[in-house]
Amino acid sequence: MSDALALVDAHHHVWDLHLRPQPWLDEPGHEPIRRNFSSHALRSAATRPIAGRRLTSTVVVQCIASVPETRDLLALADSDPLIGAVVGWADLTSPAIGDVLDDLRAGPAGRYLRAVRHLVQGESDPQWLQRPDVERGLRAVAERGLGYDVLVRSHQLPQAIRLAERLPELPLVLDHAGKPSVARRELDDWARQLRLLARHPQVHCKVSGLATEADHEKWTVDDIRPVWDVLLSAFGPDRLMFGSDWPVCVLAGGWNRWAATVEELLNDCSGTETQAVLAGTATAFYHLSPTPTPTPTPTKAGTPCS
């Protein structure tokens, strides 16, 4: 398939509650997703094309602080051709972080490990990403050519900004756009901080997880559009990537509804810009294997995103 027809979901999860509990699913409101979700279930759910593209590759992301979970995700990537990369977990505070990463990469499916993530959104320390032991761990990540997925809430964005300032050699991608308060329409401070973060060229951003920050029952494209406008102006399409956050997105409409929303948001973009958001940015950041077919002429060449 031509890269011009590729569609990369840069952020999804899988879990088997019989194999490994997910304690966060015990929180109220998570009942609809308190069951097993596999990559095969993702195929069944992701049926809607975006701009004529159907799902061709994904990036599976860790859920809990568990090296064994990361090993399982790597094995899954090795067995399922849909999954092109893994964002895993390792203890960034550990003096042995380098050895752990080397061991993960030395395994049979270690080549799929392209980034790591920690659930900073759950850390109470407002300087967690600036802790000396964490910075040491993140430098070990950078030294191995891996990226780092930044999972923070909007009030934690200053931590991400300082991280980008202090470790310019570490490729960063902001998960879920920093979780702006879509439901409360309180976007001014988030937008200011996000623009500061976007000044750092090594930082990218996932267009994901926004529906679950909105009213799960009543949200519309118009609720998402102000966030999209900020993301597009701050990062540009070459540093934005589509992600579904499946199956968490089931709480707010599911994969196909989010796909339809992203397609509408991309309506004023050129073909090359659409290509970047839907496949190109994620392919470059996570070093996904592209197909060699030449890219055809974009359908809206010369018309930039408005």
C-alpha atoms as a PDB file:
ATOM      1  CA  MET A   1       0.000   0.000   0.000  1.00  0.00           C
ATOM      2  CA  SER A   2       1.251   3.507  -0.829  1.00  0.00           C
ATOM      3  CA  ASP A   3       2.419   5.641   2.083  1.00  0.00           C
ATOM      4  CA  ALA A   4      -0.011   8.262   0.773  1.00  0.00           C
ATOM      5  CA  LEU A   5      -2.815   5.877   1.693  1.00  0.00           C
ATOM      6  CA  ALA A   6      -1.375   4.836   5.042  1.00  0.00           C
ATOM      7  CA  LEU A   7      -3.182   5.514   8.308  1.00  0.00           C
ATOM      8  CA  VAL A   8      -1.220   5.187  11.545  1.00  0.00           C
ATOM      9  CA  ASP A   9      -2.969   5.100  14.902  1.00  0.00           C
ATOM     10  CA  ALA A  10      -0.161   6.456  17.055  1.00  0.00           C
ATOM     11  CA  HIS A  11      -1.777   5.709  20.403  1.00  0.00           C
ATOM     12  CA  HIS A  12      -3.791   2.715  21.532  1.00  0.00           C
ATOM     13  CA  HIS A  13      -3.780   0.164  24.328  1.00  0.00           C
ATOM     14  CA  VAL A  14      -4.495  -3.512  24.819  1.00  0.00           C
ATOM     15  CA  TRP A  15      -5.040  -5.440  28.034  1.00  0.00           C
ATOM     16  CA  ASP A  16      -6.040  -8.856  29.306  1.00  0.00           C
ATOM     17  CA  LEU A  17      -7.473  -8.635  32.810  1.00  0.00           C
ATOM     18  CA  HIS A  18      -6.951 -12.360  33.346  1.00  0.00           C
ATOM     19  CA  LEU A  19      -3.231 -11.961  32.674  1.00  0.00           C
ATOM     20  CA  ARG A  20      -2.598  -8.626  34.365  1.00  0.00           C
ATOM     21  CA  PRO A  21      -4.989  -6.452  36.412  1.00  0.00           C
ATOM     22  CA  GLN A  22      -5.504  -2.802  35.473  1.00  0.00           C
ATOM     23  CA  PRO A  23      -6.309  -1.131  38.809  1.00  0.00           C
ATOM     24  CA  TRP A  24      -7.172   2.198  37.189  1.00  0.00           C
ATOM     25  CA  LEU A  25     -10.195   0.531  35.571  1.00  0.00           C
ATOM     26  CA  ASP A  26     -11.756   0.247  39.023  1.00  0.00           C
ATOM     27  CA  GLU A  27     -12.386   3.994  39.043  1.00  0.00           C
ATOM     28  CA  PRO A  28     -16.045   5.051  38.587  1.00  0.00           C
ATOM     29  CA  GLY A  29     -17.033   5.668  34.983  1.00  0.00           C
ATOM     30  CA  HIS A  30     -14.749   3.026  33.504  1.00  0.00           C
ATOM     31  CA  GLU A  31     -17.346   0.263  33.522  1.00  0.00           C
ATOM     32  CA  PRO A  32     -17.731   0.183  29.701  1.00  0.00           C
ATOM     33  CA  ILE A  33     -14.048  -0.683  29.254  1.00  0.00           C
ATOM     34  CA  ARG A  34     -13.638  -2.960  32.269  1.00  0.00           C
ATOM     35  CA  ARG A  35     -13.057  -5.991  30.065  1.00  0.00           C
ATOM     36  CA  ASN A  36     -10.383  -7.425  27.784  1.00  0.00           C
ATOM     37  CA  PHE A  37      -9.258  -5.586  24.665  1.00  0.00           C
ATOM     38  CA  SER A  38      -6.959  -7.140  22.052  1.00  0.00           C
ATOM     39  CA  SER A  39      -5.396  -5.935  18.834  1.00  0.00           C
ATOM     40  CA  HIS A  40      -7.928  -8.093  16.995  1.00  0.00           C
ATOM     41  CA  ALA A  41     -10.700  -6.161  18.736  1.00  0.00           C
ATOM     42  CA  LEU A  42      -9.091  -2.952  17.518  1.00  0.00           C
ATOM     43  CA  ARG A  43      -9.283  -4.200  13.935  1.00  0.00           C
ATOM     44  CA  SER A  44     -12.985  -4.857  14.398  1.00  0.00           C
ATOM     45  CA  ALA A  45     -13.579  -1.440  15.948  1.00  0.00           C
ATOM     46  CA  ALA A  46     -11.539   0.684  13.534  1.00  0.00           C
ATOM     47  CA  THR A  47     -13.672   0.310  10.433  1.00  0.00           C
ATOM     48  CA  ARG A  48     -14.081   3.917   9.330  1.00  0.00           C
ATOM     49  CA  PRO A  49     -11.546   5.346   6.876  1.00  0.00           C
ATOM     50  CA  ILE A  50     -10.076   8.823   7.329  1.00  0.00           C
ATOM     51  CA  ALA A  51      -9.594  10.787   4.116  1.00  0.00           C
ATOM     52  CA  GLY A  52      -9.893   7.542   2.159  1.00  0.00           C
ATOM     53  CA  ARG A  53      -7.333   5.717   4.308  1.00  0.00           C
ATOM     54  CA  ARG A  54      -7.934   2.612   6.375  1.00  0.00           C
ATOM     55  CA  LEU A  55      -5.860   1.607   9.368  1.00  0.00           C
ATOM     56  CA  THR A  56      -2.490   0.210   8.298  1.00  0.00           C
ATOM     57  CA  SER A  57      -0.236   0.477  11.371  1.00  0.00           C
ATOM     58  CA  THR A  58      -0.406   1.279  15.067  1.00  0.00           C
ATOM     59  CA  VAL A  59       1.679   2.194  18.079  1.00  0.00           C
ATOM     60  CA  VAL A  60       0.693   0.286  21.220  1.00  0.00           C
ATOM     61  CA  VAL A  61       1.301   2.123  24.491  1.00  0.00           C
ATOM     62  CA  GLN A  62       1.868   0.866  28.037  1.00  0.00           C
ATOM     63  CA  CYS A  63      -0.905   1.176  30.619  1.00  0.00           C
ATOM     64  CA  ILE A  64       0.739   0.366  33.943  1.00  0.00           C
ATOM     65  CA  ALA A  65       4.180   0.636  35.534  1.00  0.00           C
ATOM     66  CA  SER A  66       5.312  -2.849  34.595  1.00  0.00           C
ATOM     67  CA  VAL A  67       8.323  -4.165  32.721  1.00  0.00           C
ATOM     68  CA  PRO A  68       6.557  -7.529  32.232  1.00  0.00           C
ATOM     69  CA  GLU A  69       3.704  -5.686  30.498  1.00  0.00           C
ATOM     70  CA  THR A  70       6.260  -4.075  28.198  1.00  0.00           C
ATOM     71  CA  ARG A  71       7.702  -7.493  27.353  1.00  0.00           C
ATOM     72  CA  ASP A  72       4.212  -8.725  26.511  1.00  0.00           C
ATOM     73  CA  LEU A  73       3.609  -5.719  24.252  1.00  0.00           C
ATOM     74  CA  LEU A  74       6.877  -6.362  22.442  1.00  0.00           C
ATOM     75  CA  ALA A  75       5.909  -9.999  21.895  1.00  0.00           C
ATOM     76  CA  LEU A  76       2.528  -8.863  20.594  1.00  0.00           C
ATOM     77  CA  ALA A  77       4.181  -6.505  18.119  1.00  0.00           C
ATOM     78  CA  ASP A  78       6.365  -9.352  16.936  1.00  0.00           C
ATOM     79  CA  SER A  79       3.317 -11.523  16.242  1.00  0.00           C
ATOM     80  CA  ASP A  80       0.844  -8.957  14.893  1.00  0.00           C
ATOM     81  CA  PRO A  81       1.816  -7.102  11.706  1.00  0.00           C
ATOM     82  CA  LEU A  82      -0.601  -4.274  12.501  1.00  0.00           C
ATOM     83  CA  ILE A  83       1.568  -3.091  15.400  1.00  0.00           C
ATOM     84  CA  GLY A  84       4.633  -1.231  14.228  1.00  0.00           C
ATOM     85  CA  ALA A  85       6.039   0.104  17.497  1.00  0.00           C
ATOM     86  CA  VAL A  86       5.782  -0.150  21.267  1.00  0.00           C
ATOM     87  CA  VAL A  87       5.871   2.595  23.883  1.00  0.00           C
ATOM     88  CA  GLY A  88       6.921   0.713  26.989  1.00  0.00           C
ATOM     89  CA  TRP A  89       7.717   1.401  30.621  1.00  0.00           C
ATOM     90  CA  ALA A  90      10.831   1.161  32.722  1.00  0.00           C
ATOM     91  CA  ASP A  91      11.610   2.755  36.067  1.00  0.00           C
ATOM     92  CA  LEU A  92      13.263   6.047  35.165  1.00  0.00           C
ATOM     93  CA  THR A  93      14.349   6.550  38.780  1.00  0.00           C
ATOM     94  CA  SER A  94      16.323   3.326  38.912  1.00  0.00           C
ATOM     95  CA  PRO A  95      20.136   3.420  38.676  1.00  0.00           C
ATOM     96  CA  ALA A  96      19.770   0.303  36.511  1.00  0.00           C
ATOM     97  CA  ILE A  97      17.520   1.985  33.927  1.00  0.00           C
ATOM     98  CA  GLY A  98      20.132   1.646  31.181  1.00  0.00           C
ATOM     99  CA  ASP A  99      20.565  -2.057  31.800  1.00  0.00           C
ATOM    100  CA  VAL A 100      16.791  -2.588  31.812  1.00  0.00           C
ATOM    101  CA  LEU A 101      16.379  -0.787  28.494  1.00  0.00           C
ATOM    102  CA  ASP A 102      19.284  -2.719  26.985  1.00  0.00           C
ATOM    103  CA  ASP A 103      17.766  -5.982  28.177  1.00  0.00           C
ATOM    104  CA  LEU A 104      14.366  -5.106  26.687  1.00  0.00           C
ATOM    105  CA  ARG A 105      15.949  -4.200  23.364  1.00  0.00           C
ATOM    106  CA  ALA A 106      18.100  -7.335  23.329  1.00  0.00           C
ATOM    107  CA  GLY A 107      15.071  -9.600  23.501  1.00  0.00           C
ATOM    108  CA  PRO A 108      13.576 -11.360  20.461  1.00  0.00           C
ATOM    109  CA  ALA A 109      11.143  -8.492  19.814  1.00  0.00           C
ATOM    110  CA  GLY A 110      13.248  -5.695  21.277  1.00  0.00           C
ATOM    111  CA  ARG A 111      13.476  -3.915  17.947  1.00  0.00           C
ATOM    112  CA  TYR A 112       9.874  -2.734  18.399  1.00  0.00           C
ATOM    113  CA  LEU A 113      10.673  -0.660  21.479  1.00  0.00           C
ATOM    114  CA  ARG A 114      10.737   2.923  20.196  1.00  0.00           C
ATOM    115  CA  ALA A 115       9.845   4.989  23.259  1.00  0.00           C
ATOM    116  CA  VAL A 116       9.038   4.821  26.946  1.00  0.00           C
ATOM    117  CA  ARG A 117       6.367   6.483  29.065  1.00  0.00           C
ATOM    118  CA  HIS A 118       5.620   7.135  32.707  1.00  0.00           C
ATOM    119  CA  LEU A 119       2.246   8.128  34.149  1.00  0.00           C
ATOM    120  CA  VAL A 120       3.402  11.563  35.281  1.00  0.00           C
ATOM    121  CA  GLN A 121      -0.242  12.651  35.414  1.00  0.00           C
ATOM    122  CA  GLY A 122      -0.527  10.584  38.600  1.00  0.00           C
ATOM    123  CA  GLU A 123       2.558  12.001  40.312  1.00  0.00           C
ATOM    124  CA  SER A 124       1.888  14.548  43.060  1.00  0.00           C
ATOM    125  CA  ASP A 125       5.387  16.040  42.902  1.00  0.00           C
ATOM    126  CA  PRO A 126       5.084  19.191  40.733  1.00  0.00           C
ATOM    127  CA  GLN A 127       8.752  18.800  39.791  1.00  0.00           C
ATOM    128  CA  TRP A 128       8.748  15.069  39.081  1.00  0.00           C
ATOM    129  CA  LEU A 129      10.225  15.354  35.590  1.00  0.00           C
ATOM    130  CA  GLN A 130      13.005  17.559  37.007  1.00  0.00           C
ATOM    131  CA  ARG A 131      14.079  15.118  39.716  1.00  0.00           C
ATOM    132  CA  PRO A 132      17.792  14.313  39.269  1.00  0.00           C
ATOM    133  CA  ASP A 133      17.162  10.568  39.183  1.00  0.00           C
ATOM    134  CA  VAL A 134      14.404  10.992  36.576  1.00  0.00           C
ATOM    135  CA  GLU A 135      16.593  13.221  34.410  1.00  0.00           C
ATOM    136  CA  ARG A 136      19.373  10.635  34.624  1.00  0.00           C
ATOM    137  CA  GLY A 137      16.910   7.999  33.465  1.00  0.00           C
ATOM    138  CA  LEU A 138      15.676  10.139  30.598  1.00  0.00           C
ATOM    139  CA  ARG A 139      19.241  10.752  29.464  1.00  0.00           C
ATOM    140  CA  ALA A 140      19.676   6.984  29.316  1.00  0.00           C
ATOM    141  CA  VAL A 141      16.570   6.844  27.127  1.00  0.00           C
ATOM    142  CA  ALA A 142      17.996   9.482  24.783  1.00  0.00           C
ATOM    143  CA  GLU A 143      21.404   7.776  24.629  1.00  0.00           C
ATOM    144  CA  ARG A 144      19.697   4.660  23.249  1.00  0.00           C
ATOM    145  CA  GLY A 145      17.948   6.546  20.488  1.00  0.00           C
ATOM    146  CA  LEU A 146      14.519   6.134  22.064  1.00  0.00           C
ATOM    147  CA  GLY A 147      11.783   8.737  22.423  1.00  0.00           C
ATOM    148  CA  TYR A 148       9.707   9.692  25.411  1.00  0.00           C
ATOM    149  CA  ASP A 149       5.914   9.973  25.549  1.00  0.00           C
ATOM    150  CA  VAL A 150       4.971  12.808  27.903  1.00  0.00           C
ATOM    151  CA  LEU A 151       1.742  12.040  29.789  1.00  0.00           C
ATOM    152  CA  VAL A 152       0.800  15.100  31.840  1.00  0.00           C
ATOM    153  CA  ARG A 153      -2.333  17.040  32.630  1.00  0.00           C
ATOM    154  CA  SER A 154      -2.617  20.655  31.557  1.00  0.00           C
ATOM    155  CA  HIS A 155      -1.452  22.054  34.920  1.00  0.00           C
ATOM    156  CA  GLN A 156       1.721  19.939  34.612  1.00  0.00           C
ATOM    157  CA  LEU A 157       2.771  21.375  31.250  1.00  0.00           C
ATOM    158  CA  PRO A 158       5.469  23.578  32.849  1.00  0.00           C
ATOM    159  CA  GLN A 159       7.280  20.338  33.763  1.00  0.00           C
ATOM    160  CA  ALA A 160       7.231  19.286  30.105  1.00  0.00           C
ATOM    161  CA  ILE A 161       8.532  22.691  29.044  1.00  0.00           C
ATOM    162  CA  ARG A 162      11.464  22.476  31.448  1.00  0.00           C
ATOM    163  CA  LEU A 163      12.175  18.934  30.278  1.00  0.00           C
ATOM    164  CA  ALA A 164      12.342  20.109  26.662  1.00  0.00           C
ATOM    165  CA  GLU A 165      14.682  22.929  27.697  1.00  0.00           C
ATOM    166  CA  ARG A 166      17.023  20.708  29.682  1.00  0.00           C
ATOM    167  CA  LEU A 167      17.132  17.666  27.364  1.00  0.00           C
ATOM    168  CA  PRO A 168      17.014  18.971  23.786  1.00  0.00           C
ATOM    169  CA  GLU A 169      18.514  15.681  22.574  1.00  0.00           C
ATOM    170  CA  LEU A 170      15.480  13.661  23.756  1.00  0.00           C
ATOM    171  CA  PRO A 171      12.646  13.313  21.190  1.00  0.00           C
ATOM    172  CA  LEU A 172       9.361  14.083  22.954  1.00  0.00           C
ATOM    173  CA  VAL A 173       5.739  13.565  22.039  1.00  0.00           C
ATOM    174  CA  LEU A 174       2.966  15.073  24.135  1.00  0.00           C
ATOM    175  CA  ASP A 175       0.188  12.552  24.694  1.00  0.00           C
ATOM    176  CA  HIS A 176      -3.410  13.725  24.355  1.00  0.00           C
ATOM    177  CA  ALA A 177      -2.298  17.333  23.764  1.00  0.00           C
ATOM    178  CA  GLY A 178      -1.622  17.724  27.478  1.00  0.00           C
ATOM    179  CA  LYS A 179      -5.247  16.978  28.400  1.00  0.00           C
ATOM    180  CA  PRO A 180      -6.843  20.416  28.008  1.00  0.00           C
ATOM    181  CA  SER A 181     -10.092  21.107  29.857  1.00  0.00           C
ATOM    182  CA  VAL A 182     -12.400  20.706  26.869  1.00  0.00           C
ATOM    183  CA  ALA A 183     -15.517  20.096  28.952  1.00  0.00           C
ATOM    184  CA  ARG A 184     -15.102  23.292  31.001  1.00  0.00           C
ATOM    185  CA  ARG A 185     -13.839  25.304  27.998  1.00  0.00           C
ATOM    186  CA  GLU A 186     -10.921  26.547  30.088  1.00  0.00           C
ATOM    187  CA  LEU A 187      -8.247  26.644  27.423  1.00  0.00           C
ATOM    188  CA  ASP A 188      -6.389  29.945  27.808  1.00  0.00           C
ATOM    189  CA  ASP A 189      -3.665  28.837  30.216  1.00  0.00           C
ATOM    190  CA  TRP A 190      -3.338  25.463  28.472  1.00  0.00           C
ATOM    191  CA  ALA A 191      -2.899  27.215  25.102  1.00  0.00           C
ATOM    192  CA  ARG A 192      -0.242  29.565  26.480  1.00  0.00           C
ATOM    193  CA  GLN A 193       1.774  26.714  27.983  1.00  0.00           C
ATOM    194  CA  LEU A 194       1.355  24.540  24.917  1.00  0.00           C
ATOM    195  CA  ARG A 195       2.724  27.250  22.639  1.00  0.00           C
ATOM    196  CA  LEU A 196       5.775  27.556  24.892  1.00  0.00           C
ATOM    197  CA  LEU A 197       6.324  23.808  24.675  1.00  0.00           C
ATOM    198  CA  ALA A 198       5.906  23.805  20.899  1.00  0.00           C
ATOM    199  CA  ARG A 199       8.797  26.271  20.535  1.00  0.00           C
ATOM    200  CA  HIS A 200      11.120  23.319  21.083  1.00  0.00           C
ATOM    201  CA  PRO A 201      11.570  21.526  17.735  1.00  0.00           C
ATOM    202  CA  GLN A 202      12.114  18.080  19.259  1.00  0.00           C
ATOM    203  CA  VAL A 203       8.581  18.121  20.686  1.00  0.00           C
ATOM    204  CA  HIS A 204       5.663  16.538  18.806  1.00  0.00           C
ATOM    205  CA  CYS A 205       2.032  16.160  19.814  1.00  0.00           C
ATOM    206  CA  LYS A 206      -0.691  13.517  19.548  1.00  0.00           C
ATOM    207  CA  VAL A 207      -4.162  14.527  18.404  1.00  0.00           C
ATOM    208  CA  SER A 208      -5.691  11.996  20.749  1.00  0.00           C
ATOM    209  CA  GLY A 209      -7.633  11.661  23.975  1.00  0.00           C
ATOM    210  CA  LEU A 210      -9.558  14.901  23.496  1.00  0.00           C
ATOM    211  CA  ALA A 211     -13.054  13.431  23.394  1.00  0.00           C
ATOM    212  CA  THR A 212     -12.588  11.932  26.848  1.00  0.00           C
ATOM    213  CA  GLU A 213     -11.643  15.396  28.140  1.00  0.00           C
ATOM    214  CA  ALA A 214     -14.980  16.682  26.788  1.00  0.00           C
ATOM    215  CA  ASP A 215     -18.514  15.854  27.881  1.00  0.00           C
ATOM    216  CA  HIS A 216     -18.643  12.157  27.044  1.00  0.00           C
ATOM    217  CA  GLU A 217     -22.291  12.276  25.999  1.00  0.00           C
ATOM    218  CA  LYS A 218     -22.720  15.701  24.414  1.00  0.00           C
ATOM    219  CA  TRP A 219     -19.433  16.668  22.774  1.00  0.00           C
ATOM    220  CA  THR A 220     -19.324  17.739  19.141  1.00  0.00           C
ATOM    221  CA  VAL A 221     -16.637  18.674  16.643  1.00  0.00           C
ATOM    222  CA  ASP A 222     -17.165  22.300  17.638  1.00  0.00           C
ATOM    223  CA  ASP A 223     -15.963  21.471  21.157  1.00  0.00           C
ATOM    224  CA  ILE A 224     -12.745  19.985  19.774  1.00  0.00           C
ATOM    225  CA  ARG A 225     -12.045  22.582  17.094  1.00  0.00           C
ATOM    226  CA  PRO A 226     -10.622  25.307  19.402  1.00  0.00           C
ATOM    227  CA  VAL A 227      -8.074  22.795  20.682  1.00  0.00           C
ATOM    228  CA  TRP A 228      -7.242  21.680  17.144  1.00  0.00           C
ATOM    229  CA  ASP A 229      -6.733  25.284  16.018  1.00  0.00           C
ATOM    230  CA  VAL A 230      -4.191  25.851  18.798  1.00  0.00           C
ATOM    231  CA  LEU A 231      -2.383  22.587  18.064  1.00  0.00           C
ATOM    232  CA  LEU A 232      -2.179  23.290  14.357  1.00  0.00           C
ATOM    233  CA  SER A 233      -0.879  26.827  14.764  1.00  0.00           C
ATOM    234  CA  ALA A 234       1.602  25.846  17.487  1.00  0.00           C
ATOM    235  CA  PHE A 235       3.062  22.637  16.062  1.00  0.00           C
ATOM    236  CA  GLY A 236       2.096  22.606  12.389  1.00  0.00           C
ATOM    237  CA  PRO A 237       1.013  19.357  10.703  1.00  0.00           C
ATOM    238  CA  ASP A 238       4.571  17.981  10.511  1.00  0.00           C
ATOM    239  CA  ARG A 239       4.664  17.625  14.310  1.00  0.00           C
ATOM    240  CA  LEU A 240       1.111  16.396  14.858  1.00  0.00           C
ATOM    241  CA  MET A 241       0.021  12.745  14.744  1.00  0.00           C
ATOM    242  CA  PHE A 242      -3.371  11.070  14.864  1.00  0.00           C
ATOM    243  CA  GLY A 243      -4.058   8.754  17.780  1.00  0.00           C
ATOM    244  CA  SER A 244      -7.285   7.143  18.887  1.00  0.00           C
ATOM    245  CA  ASP A 245      -6.548   6.354  22.542  1.00  0.00           C
ATOM    246  CA  TRP A 246      -8.582   3.196  21.951  1.00  0.00           C
ATOM    247  CA  PRO A 247     -10.172   1.597  23.902  1.00  0.00           C
ATOM    248  CA  VAL A 248     -10.376   4.516  26.350  1.00  0.00           C
ATOM    249  CA  CYS A 249     -12.111   6.463  23.582  1.00  0.00           C
ATOM    250  CA  VAL A 250     -15.003   3.984  23.876  1.00  0.00           C
ATOM    251  CA  LEU A 251     -16.084   6.085  26.864  1.00  0.00           C
ATOM    252  CA  ALA A 252     -16.761   9.023  24.537  1.00  0.00           C
ATOM    253  CA  GLY A 253     -18.013   7.562  21.269  1.00  0.00           C
ATOM    254  CA  GLY A 254     -15.356   5.112  20.120  1.00  0.00           C
ATOM    255  CA  TRP A 255     -12.735   4.810  17.378  1.00  0.00           C
ATOM    256  CA  ASN A 256     -14.969   5.551  14.403  1.00  0.00           C
ATOM    257  CA  ARG A 257     -16.476   8.692  15.886  1.00  0.00           C
ATOM    258  CA  TRP A 258     -13.037  10.068  16.684  1.00  0.00           C
ATOM    259  CA  ALA A 259     -11.885   9.172  13.166  1.00  0.00           C
ATOM    260  CA  ALA A 260     -14.818  11.103  11.695  1.00  0.00           C
ATOM    261  CA  THR A 261     -13.969  14.075  13.907  1.00  0.00           C
ATOM    262  CA  VAL A 262     -10.329  14.139  12.831  1.00  0.00           C
ATOM    263  CA  GLU A 263     -11.364  13.896   9.182  1.00  0.00           C
ATOM    264  CA  GLU A 264     -13.580  16.951   9.610  1.00  0.00           C
ATOM    265  CA  LEU A 265     -10.813  18.870  11.363  1.00  0.00           C
ATOM    266  CA  LEU A 266      -8.475  18.064   8.453  1.00  0.00           C
ATOM    267  CA  ASN A 267     -10.969  19.262   5.863  1.00  0.00           C
ATOM    268  CA  ASP A 268      -9.095  22.528   5.168  1.00  0.00           C
ATOM    269  CA  CYS A 269      -5.678  20.868   4.972  1.00  0.00           C
ATOM    270  CA  SER A 270      -3.743  20.012   1.849  1.00  0.00           C
ATOM    271  CA  GLY A 271      -2.985  16.445   0.883  1.00  0.00           C
ATOM    272  CA  THR A 272       0.587  16.650   2.168  1.00  0.00           C
ATOM    273  CA  GLU A 273      -0.546  18.130   5.473  1.00  0.00           C
ATOM    274  CA  THR A 274      -3.174  15.431   5.883  1.00  0.00           C
ATOM    275  CA  GLN A 275      -0.507  12.840   5.096  1.00  0.00           C
ATOM    276  CA  ALA A 276       1.696  14.214   7.873  1.00  0.00           C
ATOM    277  CA  VAL A 277      -1.009  14.089  10.547  1.00  0.00           C
ATOM    278  CA  LEU A 278      -2.401  10.704   9.561  1.00  0.00           C
ATOM    279  CA  ALA A 279       0.850   8.859   8.936  1.00  0.00           C
ATOM    280  CA  GLY A 280       4.015  10.823   8.236  1.00  0.00           C
ATOM    281  CA  THR A 281       4.728  12.332  11.649  1.00  0.00           C
ATOM    282  CA  ALA A 282       4.159   9.090  13.539  1.00  0.00           C
ATOM    283  CA  THR A 283       6.169   7.113  10.978  1.00  0.00           C
ATOM    284  CA  ALA A 284       9.149   9.427  11.433  1.00  0.00           C
ATOM    285  CA  PHE A 285       8.942   9.746  15.221  1.00  0.00           C
ATOM    286  CA  TYR A 286       8.487   6.043  15.947  1.00  0.00           C
ATOM    287  CA  HIS A 287      10.672   4.832  13.051  1.00  0.00           C
ATOM    288  CA  LEU A 288       7.890   2.798  11.515  1.00  0.00           C
ATOM    289  CA  SER A 289       8.650   0.805   8.391  1.00  0.00           C
ATOM    290  CA  PRO A 290       7.320   2.738   5.394  1.00  0.00           C
ATOM    291  CA  THR A 291       6.221   1.117   2.184  1.00  0.00           C
ATOM    292  CA  PRO A 292       8.329   1.943  -0.884  1.00  0.00           C
ATOM    293  CA  THR A 293       5.470   2.930  -3.190  1.00  0.00           C
ATOM    294  CA  PRO A 294       5.858   6.508  -4.511  1.00  0.00           C
ATOM    295  CA  THR A 295       3.532   9.137  -3.074  1.00  0.00           C
ATOM    296  CA  PRO A 296       0.970  10.471  -5.586  1.00  0.00           C
ATOM    297  CA  THR A 297       0.189  14.149  -6.061  1.00  0.00           C
ATOM    298  CA  PRO A 298      -1.726  15.526  -3.043  1.00  0.00           C
ATOM    299  CA  THR A 299      -5.396  16.161  -3.639  1.00  0.00           C
ATOM    300  CA  LYS A 300      -5.246  19.736  -2.322  1.00  0.00           C
ATOM    301  CA  ALA A 301      -1.679  20.731  -3.133  1.00  0.00           C
ATOM    302  CA  GLY A 302      -0.915  24.332  -2.314  1.00  0.00           C
ATOM    303  CA  THR A 303      -3.836  24.836   0.085  1.00  0.00           C
ATOM    304  CA  PRO A 304      -2.431  24.987   3.621  1.00  0.00           C
ATOM    305  CA  CYS A 305      -4.426  24.227   6.747  1.00  0.00           C
ATOM    306  CA  SER A 306      -6.376  27.278   7.781  1.00  0.00           C
END
